[in-house]
């Protein structure tokens, strides 16, 4: 069954099956499908499944960012976030984490880590088949009140380009405790100096194309910023084996710290 088929099946199931049972059925379905992809060529760092190929791997090379793990549905950018969160800015027992709009595989596997407090959030208007039923909170990340200081880490991947990013950055700053860290992933046009804002954008679509000024936008919200590539070097063969974004990918990652 392809991704579109899974979406249709999920919508039908949501109407008649309790959410916790939906979750279990979905997990079993992914496990059963992943069996035929098992091998020794690749390893998904999120779910540790060994694979002979990714979903969509045989498509046009320009769509390499769509290489899903058949077991946990992680994309390259999801797998990069897992590596950054667990190896580069590794959390400690007792840390509190908020994950904004997580993919199914990330949510499922982070929740296995009993030593941390892991919460997820999505805006219901944008929720999709892999995030609609199983999050802890549903609120607009642009509308968080000041002074909460609730979390040690916030993970936010490919969300800011869809929403009021100035408001969202202020909210994330409010949610983080003093010295807290966030991981941001956004599509950046490295050939453009400045961000371009789009007019009359439908809900859920990109409201802007970030340029090289993205770090400065984040600094203005009260963060220090480092590009993940400056903190963590990944060998080309490891990128390939773990299905991570290739060098020069538009899926840029940034490690930011609340001042």
C-alpha atoms as a PDB file:
ATOM      1  CA  UNK A   1       0.000   0.000   0.000  1.00  0.00           C
ATOM      2  CA  UNK A   2       1.404   3.413  -0.931  1.00  0.00           C
ATOM      3  CA  UNK A   3       1.321   6.630   1.124  1.00  0.00           C
ATOM      4  CA  UNK A   4      -1.963   7.827  -0.449  1.00  0.00           C
ATOM      5  CA  UNK A   5      -3.589   4.531   0.440  1.00  0.00           C
ATOM      6  CA  UNK A   6      -2.447   4.834   4.026  1.00  0.00           C
ATOM      7  CA  UNK A   7      -3.972   8.317   4.208  1.00  0.00           C
ATOM      8  CA  UNK A   8      -7.365   7.085   2.989  1.00  0.00           C
ATOM      9  CA  UNK A   9      -7.282   4.140   5.378  1.00  0.00           C
ATOM     10  CA  UNK A  10      -6.438   6.422   8.293  1.00  0.00           C
ATOM     11  CA  UNK A  11      -9.363   8.769   7.576  1.00  0.00           C
ATOM     12  CA  UNK A  12     -11.836   5.863   7.551  1.00  0.00           C
ATOM     13  CA  UNK A  13     -10.372   4.380  10.721  1.00  0.00           C
ATOM     14  CA  UNK A  14     -10.545   7.694  12.593  1.00  0.00           C
ATOM     15  CA  UNK A  15     -14.309   7.746  12.224  1.00  0.00           C
ATOM     16  CA  UNK A  16     -15.001   4.334  13.761  1.00  0.00           C
ATOM     17  CA  UNK A  17     -12.045   3.127  15.858  1.00  0.00           C
ATOM     18  CA  UNK A  18     -10.825   4.509  19.240  1.00  0.00           C
ATOM     19  CA  UNK A  19      -7.608   6.468  18.897  1.00  0.00           C
ATOM     20  CA  UNK A  20      -5.379   4.179  20.957  1.00  0.00           C
ATOM     21  CA  UNK A  21      -6.457   1.162  18.925  1.00  0.00           C
ATOM     22  CA  UNK A  22      -5.871   3.170  15.727  1.00  0.00           C
ATOM     23  CA  UNK A  23      -2.329   3.798  16.888  1.00  0.00           C
ATOM     24  CA  UNK A  24      -1.700   0.098  17.500  1.00  0.00           C
ATOM     25  CA  UNK A  25      -3.193  -0.944  14.155  1.00  0.00           C
ATOM     26  CA  UNK A  26      -1.143   1.649  12.295  1.00  0.00           C
ATOM     27  CA  UNK A  27       2.033   0.442  14.015  1.00  0.00           C
ATOM     28  CA  UNK A  28       1.316  -3.211  13.156  1.00  0.00           C
ATOM     29  CA  UNK A  29       0.602  -2.274   9.545  1.00  0.00           C
ATOM     30  CA  UNK A  30       3.935  -0.491   9.225  1.00  0.00           C
ATOM     31  CA  UNK A  31       5.761  -3.422  10.816  1.00  0.00           C
ATOM     32  CA  UNK A  32       4.169  -5.903   8.396  1.00  0.00           C
ATOM     33  CA  UNK A  33       4.936  -3.769   5.354  1.00  0.00           C
ATOM     34  CA  UNK A  34       8.562  -3.178   6.371  1.00  0.00           C
ATOM     35  CA  UNK A  35       9.417  -6.894   6.268  1.00  0.00           C
ATOM     36  CA  UNK A  36       9.919  -6.966   2.508  1.00  0.00           C
ATOM     37  CA  UNK A  37      12.291  -3.980   2.701  1.00  0.00           C
ATOM     38  CA  UNK A  38      14.636  -5.533   5.252  1.00  0.00           C
ATOM     39  CA  UNK A  39      18.303  -5.881   4.278  1.00  0.00           C
ATOM     40  CA  UNK A  40      21.795  -4.638   5.052  1.00  0.00           C
ATOM     41  CA  UNK A  41      22.220  -1.579   2.807  1.00  0.00           C
ATOM     42  CA  UNK A  42      20.649   1.134   4.985  1.00  0.00           C
ATOM     43  CA  UNK A  43      19.838   1.710   8.649  1.00  0.00           C
ATOM     44  CA  UNK A  44      17.090   4.023   9.876  1.00  0.00           C
ATOM     45  CA  UNK A  45      18.532   5.838  12.926  1.00  0.00           C
ATOM     46  CA  UNK A  46      15.038   6.560  14.253  1.00  0.00           C
ATOM     47  CA  UNK A  47      13.678   3.009  14.505  1.00  0.00           C
ATOM     48  CA  UNK A  48      16.964   1.057  13.958  1.00  0.00           C
ATOM     49  CA  UNK A  49      15.433  -0.956  11.103  1.00  0.00           C
ATOM     50  CA  UNK A  50      17.962  -2.390   8.627  1.00  0.00           C
ATOM     51  CA  UNK A  51      16.788  -2.017   5.022  1.00  0.00           C
ATOM     52  CA  UNK A  52      17.654  -2.896   1.457  1.00  0.00           C
ATOM     53  CA  UNK A  53      15.868   0.205   0.131  1.00  0.00           C
ATOM     54  CA  UNK A  54      13.782   3.201   1.155  1.00  0.00           C
ATOM     55  CA  UNK A  55      10.242   3.866   0.027  1.00  0.00           C
ATOM     56  CA  UNK A  56      10.340   6.015  -3.155  1.00  0.00           C
ATOM     57  CA  UNK A  57      14.052   5.321  -3.578  1.00  0.00           C
ATOM     58  CA  UNK A  58      13.575   4.329  -7.210  1.00  0.00           C
ATOM     59  CA  UNK A  59      11.915   7.633  -8.103  1.00  0.00           C
ATOM     60  CA  UNK A  60      13.605  10.617  -9.722  1.00  0.00           C
ATOM     61  CA  UNK A  61      16.794  11.597  -7.878  1.00  0.00           C
ATOM     62  CA  UNK A  62      15.376  15.110  -7.387  1.00  0.00           C
ATOM     63  CA  UNK A  63      12.870  13.542  -4.972  1.00  0.00           C
ATOM     64  CA  UNK A  64      15.500  11.977  -2.731  1.00  0.00           C
ATOM     65  CA  UNK A  65      14.113  14.044   0.160  1.00  0.00           C
ATOM     66  CA  UNK A  66      11.030  11.777  -0.039  1.00  0.00           C
ATOM     67  CA  UNK A  67      12.905   8.584   0.862  1.00  0.00           C
ATOM     68  CA  UNK A  68      10.629   7.288   3.619  1.00  0.00           C
ATOM     69  CA  UNK A  69      11.576   4.572   6.071  1.00  0.00           C
ATOM     70  CA  UNK A  70       8.974   1.831   5.479  1.00  0.00           C
ATOM     71  CA  UNK A  71       8.917   0.998   9.211  1.00  0.00           C
ATOM     72  CA  UNK A  72       8.494   4.428  10.819  1.00  0.00           C
ATOM     73  CA  UNK A  73       7.762   6.705   7.814  1.00  0.00           C
ATOM     74  CA  UNK A  74      10.650   9.015   8.676  1.00  0.00           C
ATOM     75  CA  UNK A  75      11.994  11.254   5.910  1.00  0.00           C
ATOM     76  CA  UNK A  76      15.668  12.277   5.631  1.00  0.00           C
ATOM     77  CA  UNK A  77      15.000  15.462   7.561  1.00  0.00           C
ATOM     78  CA  UNK A  78      13.259  13.489  10.339  1.00  0.00           C
ATOM     79  CA  UNK A  79      16.240  11.179  10.611  1.00  0.00           C
ATOM     80  CA  UNK A  80      18.591  14.160  10.781  1.00  0.00           C
ATOM     81  CA  UNK A  81      16.540  15.646  13.626  1.00  0.00           C
ATOM     82  CA  UNK A  82      16.795  12.347  15.529  1.00  0.00           C
ATOM     83  CA  UNK A  83      20.574  12.315  15.122  1.00  0.00           C
ATOM     84  CA  UNK A  84      20.890  15.942  16.225  1.00  0.00           C
ATOM     85  CA  UNK A  85      18.604  15.439  19.226  1.00  0.00           C
ATOM     86  CA  UNK A  86      20.222  12.243  20.466  1.00  0.00           C
ATOM     87  CA  UNK A  87      23.892  12.787  19.574  1.00  0.00           C
ATOM     88  CA  UNK A  88      24.634  16.502  19.174  1.00  0.00           C
ATOM     89  CA  UNK A  89      22.457  18.282  21.753  1.00  0.00           C
ATOM     90  CA  UNK A  90      21.725  15.112  23.661  1.00  0.00           C
ATOM     91  CA  UNK A  91      19.114  15.424  26.403  1.00  0.00           C
ATOM     92  CA  UNK A  92      19.610  14.139  29.930  1.00  0.00           C
ATOM     93  CA  UNK A  93      17.299  12.220  32.297  1.00  0.00           C
ATOM     94  CA  UNK A  94      14.544  14.510  33.547  1.00  0.00           C
ATOM     95  CA  UNK A  95      14.691  16.922  30.614  1.00  0.00           C
ATOM     96  CA  UNK A  96      11.416  18.319  29.270  1.00  0.00           C
ATOM     97  CA  UNK A  97      10.896  18.334  25.513  1.00  0.00           C
ATOM     98  CA  UNK A  98       8.197  19.860  23.308  1.00  0.00           C
ATOM     99  CA  UNK A  99       8.059  18.574  19.733  1.00  0.00           C
ATOM    100  CA  UNK A 100       6.014  20.708  17.351  1.00  0.00           C
ATOM    101  CA  UNK A 101       4.271  18.815  14.528  1.00  0.00           C
ATOM    102  CA  UNK A 102       6.302  15.600  14.821  1.00  0.00           C
ATOM    103  CA  UNK A 103       6.209  12.796  12.297  1.00  0.00           C
ATOM    104  CA  UNK A 104       4.781   9.455  13.409  1.00  0.00           C
ATOM    105  CA  UNK A 105       8.128   7.680  13.700  1.00  0.00           C
ATOM    106  CA  UNK A 106       9.778  10.413  15.738  1.00  0.00           C
ATOM    107  CA  UNK A 107       6.824  10.644  18.115  1.00  0.00           C
ATOM    108  CA  UNK A 108       6.601   6.879  18.522  1.00  0.00           C
ATOM    109  CA  UNK A 109      10.297   6.402  19.260  1.00  0.00           C
ATOM    110  CA  UNK A 110      10.843   9.460  21.472  1.00  0.00           C
ATOM    111  CA  UNK A 111       7.971   8.233  23.635  1.00  0.00           C
ATOM    112  CA  UNK A 112       9.896   5.032  24.301  1.00  0.00           C
ATOM    113  CA  UNK A 113      12.509   7.032  26.237  1.00  0.00           C
ATOM    114  CA  UNK A 114      11.181   6.852  29.786  1.00  0.00           C
ATOM    115  CA  UNK A 115      13.827   9.162  31.306  1.00  0.00           C
ATOM    116  CA  UNK A 116      12.447  12.306  29.628  1.00  0.00           C
ATOM    117  CA  UNK A 117       9.162  14.207  29.600  1.00  0.00           C
ATOM    118  CA  UNK A 118       8.175  14.317  25.934  1.00  0.00           C
ATOM    119  CA  UNK A 119       5.164  16.315  24.748  1.00  0.00           C
ATOM    120  CA  UNK A 120       3.928  16.857  21.207  1.00  0.00           C
ATOM    121  CA  UNK A 121       1.831  19.611  19.733  1.00  0.00           C
ATOM    122  CA  UNK A 122       0.131  20.319  16.430  1.00  0.00           C
ATOM    123  CA  UNK A 123      -2.274  22.899  15.083  1.00  0.00           C
ATOM    124  CA  UNK A 124      -5.414  20.895  14.258  1.00  0.00           C
ATOM    125  CA  UNK A 125      -6.022  22.904  11.099  1.00  0.00           C
ATOM    126  CA  UNK A 126      -2.801  21.579   9.573  1.00  0.00           C
ATOM    127  CA  UNK A 127      -2.796  18.089  11.136  1.00  0.00           C
ATOM    128  CA  UNK A 128      -2.156  15.235   8.686  1.00  0.00           C
ATOM    129  CA  UNK A 129      -2.600  11.479   8.739  1.00  0.00           C
ATOM    130  CA  UNK A 130       0.637  10.965  10.667  1.00  0.00           C
ATOM    131  CA  UNK A 131       0.050  13.638  13.305  1.00  0.00           C
ATOM    132  CA  UNK A 132      -3.684  14.175  13.698  1.00  0.00           C
ATOM    133  CA  UNK A 133      -4.750  11.754  16.395  1.00  0.00           C
ATOM    134  CA  UNK A 134      -1.948  11.177  18.818  1.00  0.00           C
ATOM    135  CA  UNK A 135      -0.508  14.500  20.005  1.00  0.00           C
ATOM    136  CA  UNK A 136      -0.593  15.733  23.593  1.00  0.00           C
ATOM    137  CA  UNK A 137      -1.703  19.282  22.814  1.00  0.00           C
ATOM    138  CA  UNK A 138      -3.404  21.210  20.042  1.00  0.00           C
ATOM    139  CA  UNK A 139      -2.655  24.919  20.125  1.00  0.00           C
ATOM    140  CA  UNK A 140      -1.331  27.643  17.843  1.00  0.00           C
ATOM    141  CA  UNK A 141       2.382  27.931  18.494  1.00  0.00           C
ATOM    142  CA  UNK A 142       2.135  31.628  17.555  1.00  0.00           C
ATOM    143  CA  UNK A 143      -0.099  32.337  20.572  1.00  0.00           C
ATOM    144  CA  UNK A 144       1.835  31.131  23.631  1.00  0.00           C
ATOM    145  CA  UNK A 145       1.755  33.396  26.673  1.00  0.00           C
ATOM    146  CA  UNK A 146       4.891  34.937  28.147  1.00  0.00           C
ATOM    147  CA  UNK A 147       6.884  33.614  31.061  1.00  0.00           C
ATOM    148  CA  UNK A 148       6.016  29.905  30.893  1.00  0.00           C
ATOM    149  CA  UNK A 149       9.600  28.509  30.816  1.00  0.00           C
ATOM    150  CA  UNK A 150       8.160  25.013  30.556  1.00  0.00           C
ATOM    151  CA  UNK A 151      10.694  23.097  28.448  1.00  0.00           C
ATOM    152  CA  UNK A 152      14.419  22.426  28.179  1.00  0.00           C
ATOM    153  CA  UNK A 153      14.188  21.607  24.454  1.00  0.00           C
ATOM    154  CA  UNK A 154      11.869  22.451  21.577  1.00  0.00           C
ATOM    155  CA  UNK A 155      12.034  20.635  18.237  1.00  0.00           C
ATOM    156  CA  UNK A 156      10.469  22.437  15.282  1.00  0.00           C
ATOM    157  CA  UNK A 157      10.986  21.013  11.793  1.00  0.00           C
ATOM    158  CA  UNK A 158       9.565  22.575   8.626  1.00  0.00           C
ATOM    159  CA  UNK A 159       6.886  24.503  10.484  1.00  0.00           C
ATOM    160  CA  UNK A 160       8.103  28.111  10.619  1.00  0.00           C
ATOM    161  CA  UNK A 161       7.768  28.659   6.858  1.00  0.00           C
ATOM    162  CA  UNK A 162       4.028  27.898   7.114  1.00  0.00           C
ATOM    163  CA  UNK A 163       3.086  30.342   9.895  1.00  0.00           C
ATOM    164  CA  UNK A 164       3.785  33.765  11.436  1.00  0.00           C
ATOM    165  CA  UNK A 165       7.383  32.965  12.256  1.00  0.00           C
ATOM    166  CA  UNK A 166       8.048  36.129  14.273  1.00  0.00           C
ATOM    167  CA  UNK A 167       5.183  35.258  16.616  1.00  0.00           C
ATOM    168  CA  UNK A 168       6.163  31.582  16.695  1.00  0.00           C
ATOM    169  CA  UNK A 169       9.786  32.389  17.579  1.00  0.00           C
ATOM    170  CA  UNK A 170       8.603  34.613  20.441  1.00  0.00           C
ATOM    171  CA  UNK A 171       6.371  31.785  21.662  1.00  0.00           C
ATOM    172  CA  UNK A 172       9.176  29.232  21.548  1.00  0.00           C
ATOM    173  CA  UNK A 173      11.383  31.678  23.436  1.00  0.00           C
ATOM    174  CA  UNK A 174       8.654  31.912  26.090  1.00  0.00           C
ATOM    175  CA  UNK A 175       8.276  28.129  26.293  1.00  0.00           C
ATOM    176  CA  UNK A 176      11.980  27.465  26.825  1.00  0.00           C
ATOM    177  CA  UNK A 177      13.560  27.633  30.250  1.00  0.00           C
ATOM    178  CA  UNK A 178      16.617  29.846  30.697  1.00  0.00           C
ATOM    179  CA  UNK A 179      19.437  28.498  28.557  1.00  0.00           C
ATOM    180  CA  UNK A 180      17.045  26.111  26.799  1.00  0.00           C
ATOM    181  CA  UNK A 181      17.779  24.818  23.306  1.00  0.00           C
ATOM    182  CA  UNK A 182      15.699  24.458  20.160  1.00  0.00           C
ATOM    183  CA  UNK A 183      16.390  22.638  16.911  1.00  0.00           C
ATOM    184  CA  UNK A 184      14.927  24.364  13.867  1.00  0.00           C
ATOM    185  CA  UNK A 185      14.780  22.888  10.375  1.00  0.00           C
ATOM    186  CA  UNK A 186      13.609  25.086   7.511  1.00  0.00           C
ATOM    187  CA  UNK A 187      14.011  25.151   3.723  1.00  0.00           C
ATOM    188  CA  UNK A 188      16.576  27.835   2.857  1.00  0.00           C
ATOM    189  CA  UNK A 189      17.572  29.173  -0.541  1.00  0.00           C
ATOM    190  CA  UNK A 190      21.301  29.578   0.035  1.00  0.00           C
ATOM    191  CA  UNK A 191      21.670  31.554  -3.190  1.00  0.00           C
ATOM    192  CA  UNK A 192      19.374  34.318  -1.862  1.00  0.00           C
ATOM    193  CA  UNK A 193      20.516  36.850   0.718  1.00  0.00           C
ATOM    194  CA  UNK A 194      17.035  37.816   1.910  1.00  0.00           C
ATOM    195  CA  UNK A 195      13.822  36.019   2.755  1.00  0.00           C
ATOM    196  CA  UNK A 196      10.981  36.506   0.272  1.00  0.00           C
ATOM    197  CA  UNK A 197       7.446  36.761   1.658  1.00  0.00           C
ATOM    198  CA  UNK A 198       4.565  35.449  -0.453  1.00  0.00           C
ATOM    199  CA  UNK A 199       1.122  37.077  -0.768  1.00  0.00           C
ATOM    200  CA  UNK A 200      -2.285  35.363  -0.602  1.00  0.00           C
ATOM    201  CA  UNK A 201      -0.960  32.001   0.502  1.00  0.00           C
ATOM    202  CA  UNK A 202      -3.521  29.219   1.193  1.00  0.00           C
ATOM    203  CA  UNK A 203      -3.568  27.792   4.715  1.00  0.00           C
ATOM    204  CA  UNK A 204      -0.846  25.190   5.200  1.00  0.00           C
ATOM    205  CA  UNK A 205       1.320  26.327   2.279  1.00  0.00           C
ATOM    206  CA  UNK A 206       4.699  28.061   2.483  1.00  0.00           C
ATOM    207  CA  UNK A 207       4.282  31.727   3.399  1.00  0.00           C
ATOM    208  CA  UNK A 208       7.880  32.602   2.588  1.00  0.00           C
ATOM    209  CA  UNK A 209      11.149  31.382   1.065  1.00  0.00           C
ATOM    210  CA  UNK A 210      13.948  31.826   3.552  1.00  0.00           C
ATOM    211  CA  UNK A 211      17.269  33.213   2.422  1.00  0.00           C
ATOM    212  CA  UNK A 212      20.627  33.381   4.152  1.00  0.00           C
ATOM    213  CA  UNK A 213      19.138  35.908   6.593  1.00  0.00           C
ATOM    214  CA  UNK A 214      17.225  33.190   8.471  1.00  0.00           C
ATOM    215  CA  UNK A 215      19.736  33.042  11.377  1.00  0.00           C
ATOM    216  CA  UNK A 216      19.368  36.793  11.896  1.00  0.00           C
ATOM    217  CA  UNK A 217      15.569  36.472  12.093  1.00  0.00           C
ATOM    218  CA  UNK A 218      16.092  33.940  14.883  1.00  0.00           C
ATOM    219  CA  UNK A 219      18.654  36.099  16.696  1.00  0.00           C
ATOM    220  CA  UNK A 220      16.182  38.990  16.751  1.00  0.00           C
ATOM    221  CA  UNK A 221      13.829  36.762  18.792  1.00  0.00           C
ATOM    222  CA  UNK A 222      16.452  36.408  21.560  1.00  0.00           C
ATOM    223  CA  UNK A 223      18.428  33.317  20.536  1.00  0.00           C
ATOM    224  CA  UNK A 224      22.023  32.551  19.750  1.00  0.00           C
ATOM    225  CA  UNK A 225      22.242  30.531  16.519  1.00  0.00           C
ATOM    226  CA  UNK A 226      24.601  27.949  15.064  1.00  0.00           C
ATOM    227  CA  UNK A 227      24.112  25.950  11.903  1.00  0.00           C
ATOM    228  CA  UNK A 228      24.100  22.242  12.708  1.00  0.00           C
ATOM    229  CA  UNK A 229      26.757  21.541  10.071  1.00  0.00           C
ATOM    230  CA  UNK A 230      29.152  23.733  12.076  1.00  0.00           C
ATOM    231  CA  UNK A 231      28.701  21.559  15.172  1.00  0.00           C
ATOM    232  CA  UNK A 232      28.471  18.100  13.695  1.00  0.00           C
ATOM    233  CA  UNK A 233      30.251  16.639  10.690  1.00  0.00           C
ATOM    234  CA  UNK A 234      28.633  13.684   8.923  1.00  0.00           C
ATOM    235  CA  UNK A 235      30.671  11.619   6.498  1.00  0.00           C
ATOM    236  CA  UNK A 236      29.108  11.136   3.026  1.00  0.00           C
ATOM    237  CA  UNK A 237      28.942   7.356   3.476  1.00  0.00           C
ATOM    238  CA  UNK A 238      27.077   7.812   6.781  1.00  0.00           C
ATOM    239  CA  UNK A 239      24.640  10.239   5.162  1.00  0.00           C
ATOM    240  CA  UNK A 240      23.923   7.615   2.544  1.00  0.00           C
ATOM    241  CA  UNK A 241      23.616   4.664   4.917  1.00  0.00           C
ATOM    242  CA  UNK A 242      21.339   6.485   7.363  1.00  0.00           C
ATOM    243  CA  UNK A 243      19.316   8.214   4.658  1.00  0.00           C
ATOM    244  CA  UNK A 244      20.131  11.741   5.853  1.00  0.00           C
ATOM    245  CA  UNK A 245      19.773  14.905   3.765  1.00  0.00           C
ATOM    246  CA  UNK A 246      22.629  15.239   1.330  1.00  0.00           C
ATOM    247  CA  UNK A 247      25.121  18.112   1.520  1.00  0.00           C
ATOM    248  CA  UNK A 248      23.593  21.222  -0.022  1.00  0.00           C
ATOM    249  CA  UNK A 249      20.076  20.073   0.853  1.00  0.00           C
ATOM    250  CA  UNK A 250      17.470  22.766   1.437  1.00  0.00           C
ATOM    251  CA  UNK A 251      16.568  21.025   4.709  1.00  0.00           C
ATOM    252  CA  UNK A 252      18.829  23.252   6.796  1.00  0.00           C
ATOM    253  CA  UNK A 253      19.122  22.611  10.529  1.00  0.00           C
ATOM    254  CA  UNK A 254      19.992  25.122  13.230  1.00  0.00           C
ATOM    255  CA  UNK A 255      20.804  24.707  16.925  1.00  0.00           C
ATOM    256  CA  UNK A 256      19.559  27.756  18.834  1.00  0.00           C
ATOM    257  CA  UNK A 257      19.863  28.644  22.511  1.00  0.00           C
ATOM    258  CA  UNK A 258      17.729  31.022  24.543  1.00  0.00           C
ATOM    259  CA  UNK A 259      19.752  33.964  25.796  1.00  0.00           C
END
